[in-house]
Amino acid sequence: MADIDFTKLPTFHSTEEILAHSRFPYARDEFAKAILALYEHKPFLNRLLLEASRTVLGIVIMCLYARYDAADRSTWPTLRLVADSMAAHRLASPSRVHDLVSRLGKSGYLEQRAAPQDRRVRISIPSAKMIARDQDFLVSHVRRQHQ
């Protein structure tokens, strides 16, 4: 994730600005179409992401991994940090997070690797499959808004 240029992120807009924009109704409709297309004819993915907490879990894992700094142990995307992040938002209990992370691992979306600095600690690493899925998810959210 080190190749992301965070200086080129789009300008922040308030909720009021977004809702007042003349193209918001169109963007909302395109977003709904894109989300429906994203999940269409994918029963396994639909079951895996059935609960909102499952979707948020994927986002949390990707965000924690994006800010991962090997030199700063507090940023290491460990199972504990993932579970604590989910619990802080009351989205899932730690045991539920452990179960979901296990399923993500078994289905090829997530890898658990030993941290190079401390082999006792396991780092949650999104697989290429999870990164591609996240990119599809992000594209479905912003595709038409920039036309």
Protein backbone atom coordinates (compact mmCIF):
# COMPACT_ATOMS: atom_id res chain seq x y z
CA MET A 1 0.00 0.00 0.00
CA ALA A 2 3.04 2.26 0.11
CA ASP A 3 2.51 3.29 -3.55
CA ILE A 4 -0.66 5.29 -2.76
CA ASP A 5 -0.17 9.04 -3.07
CA PHE A 6 -2.32 10.46 -0.28
CA THR A 7 -1.62 14.03 -1.44
CA LYS A 8 -3.83 13.54 -4.49
CA LEU A 9 -7.04 12.69 -2.64
CA PRO A 10 -10.19 14.56 -3.72
CA THR A 11 -11.36 17.65 -1.87
CA PHE A 12 -13.57 17.07 1.17
CA HIS A 13 -17.23 18.05 0.76
CA SER A 14 -19.79 18.31 3.53
CA THR A 15 -22.96 16.22 3.56
CA GLU A 16 -24.97 19.35 2.82
CA GLU A 17 -22.83 20.17 -0.24
CA ILE A 18 -23.16 16.65 -1.59
CA LEU A 19 -26.94 16.50 -1.09
CA ALA A 20 -27.39 19.95 -2.66
CA HIS A 21 -25.37 19.12 -5.77
CA SER A 22 -27.49 19.14 -8.93
CA ARG A 23 -26.19 15.71 -9.99
CA PHE A 24 -26.75 14.01 -6.64
CA PRO A 25 -30.01 12.24 -7.70
CA TYR A 26 -28.25 10.86 -10.76
CA ALA A 27 -25.20 9.81 -8.73
CA ARG A 28 -27.46 8.12 -6.14
CA ASP A 29 -29.23 6.14 -8.88
CA GLU A 30 -25.94 5.12 -10.49
CA PHE A 31 -24.60 4.09 -7.09
CA ALA A 32 -27.63 1.85 -6.49
CA LYS A 33 -27.21 0.26 -9.94
CA ALA A 34 -23.50 -0.33 -9.35
CA ILE A 35 -24.06 -1.91 -5.94
CA LEU A 36 -26.75 -4.21 -7.33
CA ALA A 37 -24.43 -5.21 -10.19
CA LEU A 38 -21.56 -5.79 -7.77
CA TYR A 39 -23.50 -8.48 -5.91
CA GLU A 40 -25.56 -9.90 -8.78
CA HIS A 41 -25.08 -13.61 -9.52
CA LYS A 42 -22.50 -14.05 -6.75
CA PRO A 43 -24.25 -16.16 -4.10
CA PHE A 44 -21.09 -16.98 -2.13
CA LEU A 45 -20.08 -13.32 -1.94
CA ASN A 46 -23.64 -12.33 -1.04
CA ARG A 47 -23.70 -14.80 1.86
CA LEU A 48 -20.26 -13.72 3.02
CA LEU A 49 -21.26 -10.04 3.04
CA LEU A 50 -24.83 -10.58 4.19
CA GLU A 51 -24.47 -8.61 7.38
CA ALA A 52 -23.38 -4.98 7.37
CA SER A 53 -20.69 -5.86 9.88
CA ARG A 54 -19.12 -8.17 7.33
CA THR A 55 -18.84 -5.36 4.81
CA VAL A 56 -17.46 -3.00 7.43
CA LEU A 57 -14.98 -5.67 8.52
CA GLY A 58 -13.54 -5.75 5.01
CA ILE A 59 -13.26 -1.97 4.99
CA VAL A 60 -11.64 -1.95 8.45
CA ILE A 61 -9.08 -4.56 7.37
CA MET A 62 -8.22 -2.61 4.22
CA CYS A 63 -7.93 0.70 6.12
CA LEU A 64 -5.79 -0.78 8.88
CA TYR A 65 -3.53 -2.37 6.30
CA ALA A 66 -3.28 0.92 4.33
CA ARG A 67 -1.96 2.74 7.41
CA TYR A 68 0.33 -0.11 8.44
CA ASP A 69 3.80 1.13 9.35
CA ALA A 70 6.20 -1.68 10.22
CA ALA A 71 8.19 0.74 12.40
CA ASP A 72 5.12 1.64 14.50
CA ARG A 73 3.76 -1.38 16.35
CA SER A 74 0.51 0.45 17.22
CA THR A 75 -0.42 0.41 13.50
CA TRP A 76 0.16 -3.30 12.94
CA PRO A 77 -3.07 -4.75 11.51
CA THR A 78 -3.36 -7.65 13.93
CA LEU A 79 -6.48 -9.66 14.62
CA ARG A 80 -6.71 -7.91 17.98
CA LEU A 81 -6.60 -4.44 16.37
CA VAL A 82 -9.26 -5.52 13.85
CA ALA A 83 -11.47 -6.90 16.63
CA ASP A 84 -10.94 -3.80 18.80
CA SER A 85 -11.82 -1.53 15.88
CA MET A 86 -15.04 -3.42 15.24
CA ALA A 87 -15.91 -3.55 18.95
CA ALA A 88 -15.32 0.20 19.33
CA HIS A 89 -18.11 0.77 16.81
CA ARG A 90 -20.27 -1.98 18.32
CA LEU A 91 -20.39 -3.80 15.00
CA ALA A 92 -19.31 -7.25 16.12
CA SER A 93 -18.04 -9.03 19.19
CA PRO A 94 -14.39 -10.13 19.22
CA SER A 95 -15.45 -13.78 18.82
CA ARG A 96 -17.61 -12.90 15.81
CA VAL A 97 -14.69 -10.99 14.28
CA HIS A 98 -12.41 -14.01 14.85
CA ASP A 99 -14.94 -16.24 13.08
CA LEU A 100 -15.32 -13.87 10.13
CA VAL A 101 -11.56 -13.36 9.78
CA SER A 102 -11.13 -17.12 9.81
CA ARG A 103 -13.67 -17.44 6.97
CA LEU A 104 -11.93 -14.68 5.01
CA GLY A 105 -8.68 -16.60 5.39
CA LYS A 106 -10.18 -19.94 4.37
CA SER A 107 -11.80 -18.36 1.30
CA GLY A 108 -8.55 -16.76 0.14
CA TYR A 109 -9.35 -13.13 0.97
CA LEU A 110 -6.97 -12.68 3.90
CA GLU A 111 -3.61 -14.02 5.00
CA GLN A 112 -2.15 -14.07 8.50
CA ARG A 113 1.63 -13.66 8.43
CA ALA A 114 4.18 -13.40 11.20
CA ALA A 115 5.42 -9.85 11.72
CA PRO A 116 9.07 -9.61 10.65
CA GLN A 117 9.91 -7.60 13.78
CA ASP A 118 8.16 -10.00 16.18
CA ARG A 119 7.43 -13.51 14.89
CA ARG A 120 4.92 -14.07 17.73
CA VAL A 121 2.55 -11.47 16.23
CA ARG A 122 0.37 -12.26 13.20
CA ILE A 123 -0.32 -9.46 10.70
CA SER A 124 -3.58 -9.50 8.71
CA ILE A 125 -2.64 -9.09 5.05
CA PRO A 126 -5.36 -8.64 2.41
CA SER A 127 -4.76 -11.03 -0.50
CA ALA A 128 -4.79 -9.92 -4.13
CA LYS A 129 -8.33 -11.32 -4.25
CA MET A 130 -9.44 -9.08 -1.37
CA ILE A 131 -7.70 -6.02 -2.82
CA ALA A 132 -9.40 -6.61 -6.19
CA ARG A 133 -12.74 -6.99 -4.39
CA ASP A 134 -12.12 -3.76 -2.47
CA GLN A 135 -11.29 -1.94 -5.70
CA ASP A 136 -14.54 -3.18 -7.26
CA PHE A 137 -16.39 -2.00 -4.16
CA LEU A 138 -14.77 1.45 -4.32
CA VAL A 139 -15.37 1.81 -8.06
CA SER A 140 -19.04 0.99 -7.53
CA HIS A 141 -19.22 3.89 -5.07
CA VAL A 142 -17.54 6.59 -7.15
CA ARG A 143 -17.82 5.51 -10.78
CA ARG A 144 -20.49 7.89 -12.04
CA GLN A 145 -20.07 10.74 -9.61
CA HIS A 146 -17.04 12.04 -11.53
CA GLN A 147 -18.59 12.20 -15.01
